[in-house]
Amino acid sequence: MSASNEWTEGHLTLRGSEQGTEKEDFRTVNREPPSDRIKTVRWHDYLSSIYSTPDRYHSETWTSDYDAEIGHLLSKFGGPPSHL
């Protein structure tokens, strides 16, 4: 069992980035994805033991089929930040 396994979702929408569901070790804050989301990214913060260094990374969990919109929005708002 890990010492800590937390994550936060972020959604790229037509208006920019919006925060999604957050999972901390002892609670989860659920947020419905926006209806106009184009891409969803999850930022992970994983600590395998109290003696290890945290692993921080992001993964794409959902993307729309509209490649042209994705490219336009990524150029307008940028890619996912390193954290929220």
N, C-alpha and C. Protein backbone atom coordinates (compact mmCIF):
# COMPACT_ATOMS: atom_id res chain seq x y z
N MET A 1 0.84 -1.18 0.00
CA MET A 1 0.00 0.00 0.00
C MET A 1 0.88 1.24 0.00
N SER A 2 0.51 2.23 -0.78
CA SER A 2 1.30 3.44 -0.88
C SER A 2 1.08 4.34 0.34
N ALA A 3 2.05 5.22 0.57
CA ALA A 3 1.92 6.19 1.65
C ALA A 3 0.93 7.29 1.26
N SER A 4 0.89 7.62 -0.02
CA SER A 4 -0.03 8.66 -0.51
C SER A 4 -0.27 8.46 -2.00
N ASN A 5 -1.52 8.60 -2.42
CA ASN A 5 -1.86 8.50 -3.83
C ASN A 5 -2.98 9.51 -4.10
N GLU A 6 -2.61 10.70 -4.52
CA GLU A 6 -3.57 11.77 -4.75
C GLU A 6 -3.54 12.19 -6.21
N TRP A 7 -4.66 12.75 -6.68
CA TRP A 7 -4.72 13.26 -8.04
C TRP A 7 -5.77 14.35 -8.16
N THR A 8 -5.61 15.17 -9.19
CA THR A 8 -6.54 16.25 -9.51
C THR A 8 -6.75 16.28 -11.02
N GLU A 9 -8.00 16.46 -11.44
CA GLU A 9 -8.29 16.56 -12.87
C GLU A 9 -8.44 18.01 -13.29
N GLY A 10 -8.06 18.27 -14.52
CA GLY A 10 -8.28 19.57 -15.14
C GLY A 10 -8.88 19.36 -16.52
N HIS A 11 -9.80 20.24 -16.90
CA HIS A 11 -10.49 20.12 -18.18
C HIS A 11 -10.16 21.34 -19.05
N LEU A 12 -9.77 21.10 -20.29
CA LEU A 12 -9.63 22.17 -21.27
C LEU A 12 -10.98 22.35 -21.93
N THR A 13 -11.53 23.57 -21.85
CA THR A 13 -12.84 23.87 -22.42
C THR A 13 -12.70 25.02 -23.40
N LEU A 14 -13.80 25.41 -23.99
CA LEU A 14 -13.80 26.56 -24.90
C LEU A 14 -13.46 27.86 -24.18
N ARG A 15 -13.59 27.87 -22.85
CA ARG A 15 -13.31 29.07 -22.04
C ARG A 15 -11.93 29.04 -21.41
N GLY A 16 -11.22 27.93 -21.55
CA GLY A 16 -9.93 27.76 -20.90
C GLY A 16 -9.96 26.55 -19.98
N SER A 17 -9.12 26.55 -18.97
CA SER A 17 -9.02 25.41 -18.06
C SER A 17 -10.00 25.53 -16.91
N GLU A 18 -10.56 24.38 -16.50
CA GLU A 18 -11.45 24.31 -15.35
C GLU A 18 -11.03 23.13 -14.50
N GLN A 19 -11.10 23.30 -13.19
CA GLN A 19 -10.72 22.23 -12.28
C GLN A 19 -11.81 21.18 -12.22
N GLY A 20 -11.37 19.93 -12.13
CA GLY A 20 -12.29 18.81 -12.06
C GLY A 20 -12.21 18.12 -10.70
N THR A 21 -12.51 16.85 -10.70
CA THR A 21 -12.52 16.06 -9.48
C THR A 21 -11.13 16.01 -8.85
N GLU A 22 -11.10 16.02 -7.52
CA GLU A 22 -9.86 15.91 -6.75
C GLU A 22 -9.96 14.71 -5.83
N LYS A 23 -8.89 13.94 -5.75
CA LYS A 23 -8.83 12.83 -4.81
C LYS A 23 -7.62 13.03 -3.90
N GLU A 24 -7.91 13.21 -2.63
CA GLU A 24 -6.86 13.25 -1.63
C GLU A 24 -6.91 11.92 -0.89
N ASP A 25 -5.97 11.68 -0.02
CA ASP A 25 -5.89 10.37 0.64
C ASP A 25 -7.18 9.99 1.37
N PHE A 26 -7.83 10.95 2.00
CA PHE A 26 -8.99 10.60 2.83
C PHE A 26 -10.29 11.27 2.38
N ARG A 27 -10.29 11.90 1.22
CA ARG A 27 -11.53 12.49 0.72
C ARG A 27 -11.44 12.66 -0.79
N THR A 28 -12.61 12.70 -1.40
CA THR A 28 -12.72 12.96 -2.83
C THR A 28 -13.76 14.04 -3.02
N VAL A 29 -13.42 15.06 -3.83
CA VAL A 29 -14.35 16.12 -4.19
C VAL A 29 -14.73 15.89 -5.65
N ASN A 30 -15.96 15.43 -5.87
CA ASN A 30 -16.42 15.13 -7.23
C ASN A 30 -16.97 16.39 -7.90
N ARG A 31 -16.52 16.62 -9.12
CA ARG A 31 -17.04 17.70 -9.95
C ARG A 31 -17.36 17.12 -11.32
N GLU A 32 -18.57 17.36 -11.79
CA GLU A 32 -18.96 16.89 -13.11
C GLU A 32 -18.12 17.58 -14.18
N PRO A 33 -17.69 16.83 -15.20
CA PRO A 33 -16.95 17.46 -16.28
C PRO A 33 -17.83 18.45 -17.03
N PRO A 34 -17.28 19.57 -17.47
CA PRO A 34 -18.06 20.53 -18.26
C PRO A 34 -18.54 19.89 -19.56
N SER A 35 -19.71 20.28 -20.01
CA SER A 35 -20.27 19.68 -21.23
C SER A 35 -19.46 20.05 -22.47
N ASP A 36 -18.72 21.16 -22.42
CA ASP A 36 -17.95 21.59 -23.59
C ASP A 36 -16.46 21.27 -23.46
N ARG A 37 -16.11 20.30 -22.63
CA ARG A 37 -14.69 19.97 -22.47
C ARG A 37 -14.14 19.39 -23.76
N ILE A 38 -12.88 19.67 -24.01
CA ILE A 38 -12.20 19.17 -25.19
C ILE A 38 -11.17 18.12 -24.79
N LYS A 39 -10.59 18.29 -23.60
CA LYS A 39 -9.56 17.37 -23.12
C LYS A 39 -9.58 17.36 -21.60
N THR A 40 -9.31 16.20 -21.01
CA THR A 40 -9.19 16.07 -19.56
C THR A 40 -7.83 15.47 -19.23
N VAL A 41 -7.14 16.12 -18.30
CA VAL A 41 -5.82 15.68 -17.85
C VAL A 41 -5.88 15.45 -16.35
N ARG A 42 -5.23 14.40 -15.88
CA ARG A 42 -5.18 14.11 -14.45
C ARG A 42 -3.73 14.25 -13.97
N TRP A 43 -3.53 15.08 -12.93
CA TRP A 43 -2.22 15.26 -12.32
C TRP A 43 -2.12 14.33 -11.13
N HIS A 44 -1.10 13.51 -11.11
CA HIS A 44 -0.89 12.51 -10.07
C HIS A 44 0.23 12.95 -9.13
N ASP A 45 0.06 12.64 -7.87
CA ASP A 45 1.08 12.86 -6.85
C ASP A 45 1.11 11.58 -6.02
N TYR A 46 2.10 10.73 -6.28
CA TYR A 46 2.15 9.39 -5.69
C TYR A 46 3.41 9.26 -4.84
N LEU A 47 3.24 8.81 -3.63
CA LEU A 47 4.35 8.57 -2.71
C LEU A 47 4.29 7.11 -2.28
N SER A 48 5.25 6.31 -2.72
CA SER A 48 5.19 4.87 -2.44
C SER A 48 5.48 4.53 -0.99
N SER A 49 6.31 5.33 -0.32
CA SER A 49 6.57 5.13 1.11
C SER A 49 7.01 6.46 1.72
N ILE A 50 7.04 6.53 3.02
CA ILE A 50 7.43 7.79 3.65
C ILE A 50 8.90 8.11 3.42
N TYR A 51 9.68 7.15 2.94
CA TYR A 51 11.11 7.35 2.70
C TYR A 51 11.42 7.66 1.24
N SER A 52 10.45 7.60 0.38
CA SER A 52 10.69 7.81 -1.05
C SER A 52 10.38 9.25 -1.45
N THR A 53 10.83 9.62 -2.63
CA THR A 53 10.48 10.92 -3.18
C THR A 53 9.18 10.78 -3.96
N PRO A 54 8.36 11.83 -3.99
CA PRO A 54 7.07 11.72 -4.69
C PRO A 54 7.25 11.62 -6.21
N ASP A 55 6.40 10.82 -6.82
CA ASP A 55 6.31 10.77 -8.28
C ASP A 55 5.20 11.71 -8.69
N ARG A 56 5.54 12.71 -9.50
CA ARG A 56 4.55 13.67 -9.98
C ARG A 56 4.53 13.63 -11.50
N TYR A 57 3.35 13.39 -12.04
CA TYR A 57 3.22 13.28 -13.49
C TYR A 57 1.77 13.56 -13.86
N HIS A 58 1.50 13.71 -15.16
CA HIS A 58 0.12 13.88 -15.60
C HIS A 58 -0.17 12.88 -16.72
N SER A 59 -1.44 12.54 -16.85
CA SER A 59 -1.88 11.63 -17.90
C SER A 59 -3.17 12.16 -18.49
N GLU A 60 -3.32 11.94 -19.77
CA GLU A 60 -4.55 12.34 -20.46
C GLU A 60 -5.59 11.25 -20.23
N THR A 61 -6.73 11.63 -19.68
CA THR A 61 -7.76 10.62 -19.38
C THR A 61 -8.93 10.66 -20.36
N TRP A 62 -9.08 11.77 -21.08
CA TRP A 62 -10.18 11.86 -22.04
C TRP A 62 -9.84 12.95 -23.05
N THR A 63 -10.21 12.73 -24.31
CA THR A 63 -10.05 13.75 -25.34
C THR A 63 -11.17 13.62 -26.36
N SER A 64 -11.59 14.74 -26.90
CA SER A 64 -12.67 14.71 -27.88
C SER A 64 -12.13 14.28 -29.25
N ASP A 65 -13.03 14.10 -30.18
CA ASP A 65 -12.66 13.70 -31.53
C ASP A 65 -12.38 14.91 -32.43
N TYR A 66 -12.49 16.11 -31.91
CA TYR A 66 -12.36 17.32 -32.72
C TYR A 66 -10.92 17.84 -32.68
N ASP A 67 -10.06 17.21 -33.49
CA ASP A 67 -8.63 17.54 -33.48
C ASP A 67 -8.36 19.01 -33.79
N ALA A 68 -9.14 19.61 -34.69
CA ALA A 68 -8.93 21.01 -35.05
C ALA A 68 -9.19 21.91 -33.84
N GLU A 69 -10.25 21.64 -33.09
CA GLU A 69 -10.54 22.43 -31.90
C GLU A 69 -9.46 22.26 -30.85
N ILE A 70 -8.98 21.03 -30.68
CA ILE A 70 -7.94 20.77 -29.68
C ILE A 70 -6.70 21.59 -30.01
N GLY A 71 -6.26 21.53 -31.26
CA GLY A 71 -5.08 22.29 -31.67
C GLY A 71 -5.26 23.79 -31.47
N HIS A 72 -6.42 24.30 -31.84
CA HIS A 72 -6.70 25.74 -31.68
C HIS A 72 -6.68 26.13 -30.20
N LEU A 73 -7.34 25.35 -29.35
CA LEU A 73 -7.40 25.68 -27.92
C LEU A 73 -6.04 25.52 -27.24
N LEU A 74 -5.28 24.52 -27.64
CA LEU A 74 -3.94 24.37 -27.06
C LEU A 74 -3.03 25.54 -27.45
N SER A 75 -3.17 26.04 -28.67
CA SER A 75 -2.36 27.19 -29.05
C SER A 75 -2.85 28.46 -28.36
N LYS A 76 -4.14 28.54 -28.09
CA LYS A 76 -4.69 29.72 -27.41
C LYS A 76 -4.39 29.74 -25.92
N PHE A 77 -4.60 28.59 -25.24
CA PHE A 77 -4.47 28.52 -23.78
C PHE A 77 -3.20 27.81 -23.31
N GLY A 78 -2.49 27.13 -24.21
CA GLY A 78 -1.30 26.38 -23.82
C GLY A 78 -1.64 24.97 -23.39
N GLY A 79 -0.62 24.16 -23.18
CA GLY A 79 -0.80 22.79 -22.75
C GLY A 79 -1.11 22.74 -21.26
N PRO A 80 -1.20 21.54 -20.75
CA PRO A 80 -1.51 21.41 -19.32
C PRO A 80 -0.37 21.94 -18.46
N PRO A 81 -0.69 22.65 -17.40
CA PRO A 81 0.36 23.11 -16.49
C PRO A 81 0.98 21.92 -15.76
N SER A 82 2.11 22.13 -15.11
CA SER A 82 2.75 21.03 -14.41
C SER A 82 1.98 20.63 -13.16
N HIS A 83 1.09 21.48 -12.70
CA HIS A 83 0.23 21.19 -11.54
C HIS A 83 -0.92 22.19 -11.53
N LEU A 84 -1.92 21.91 -10.72
CA LEU A 84 -3.04 22.86 -10.57
C LEU A 84 -2.89 23.64 -9.31
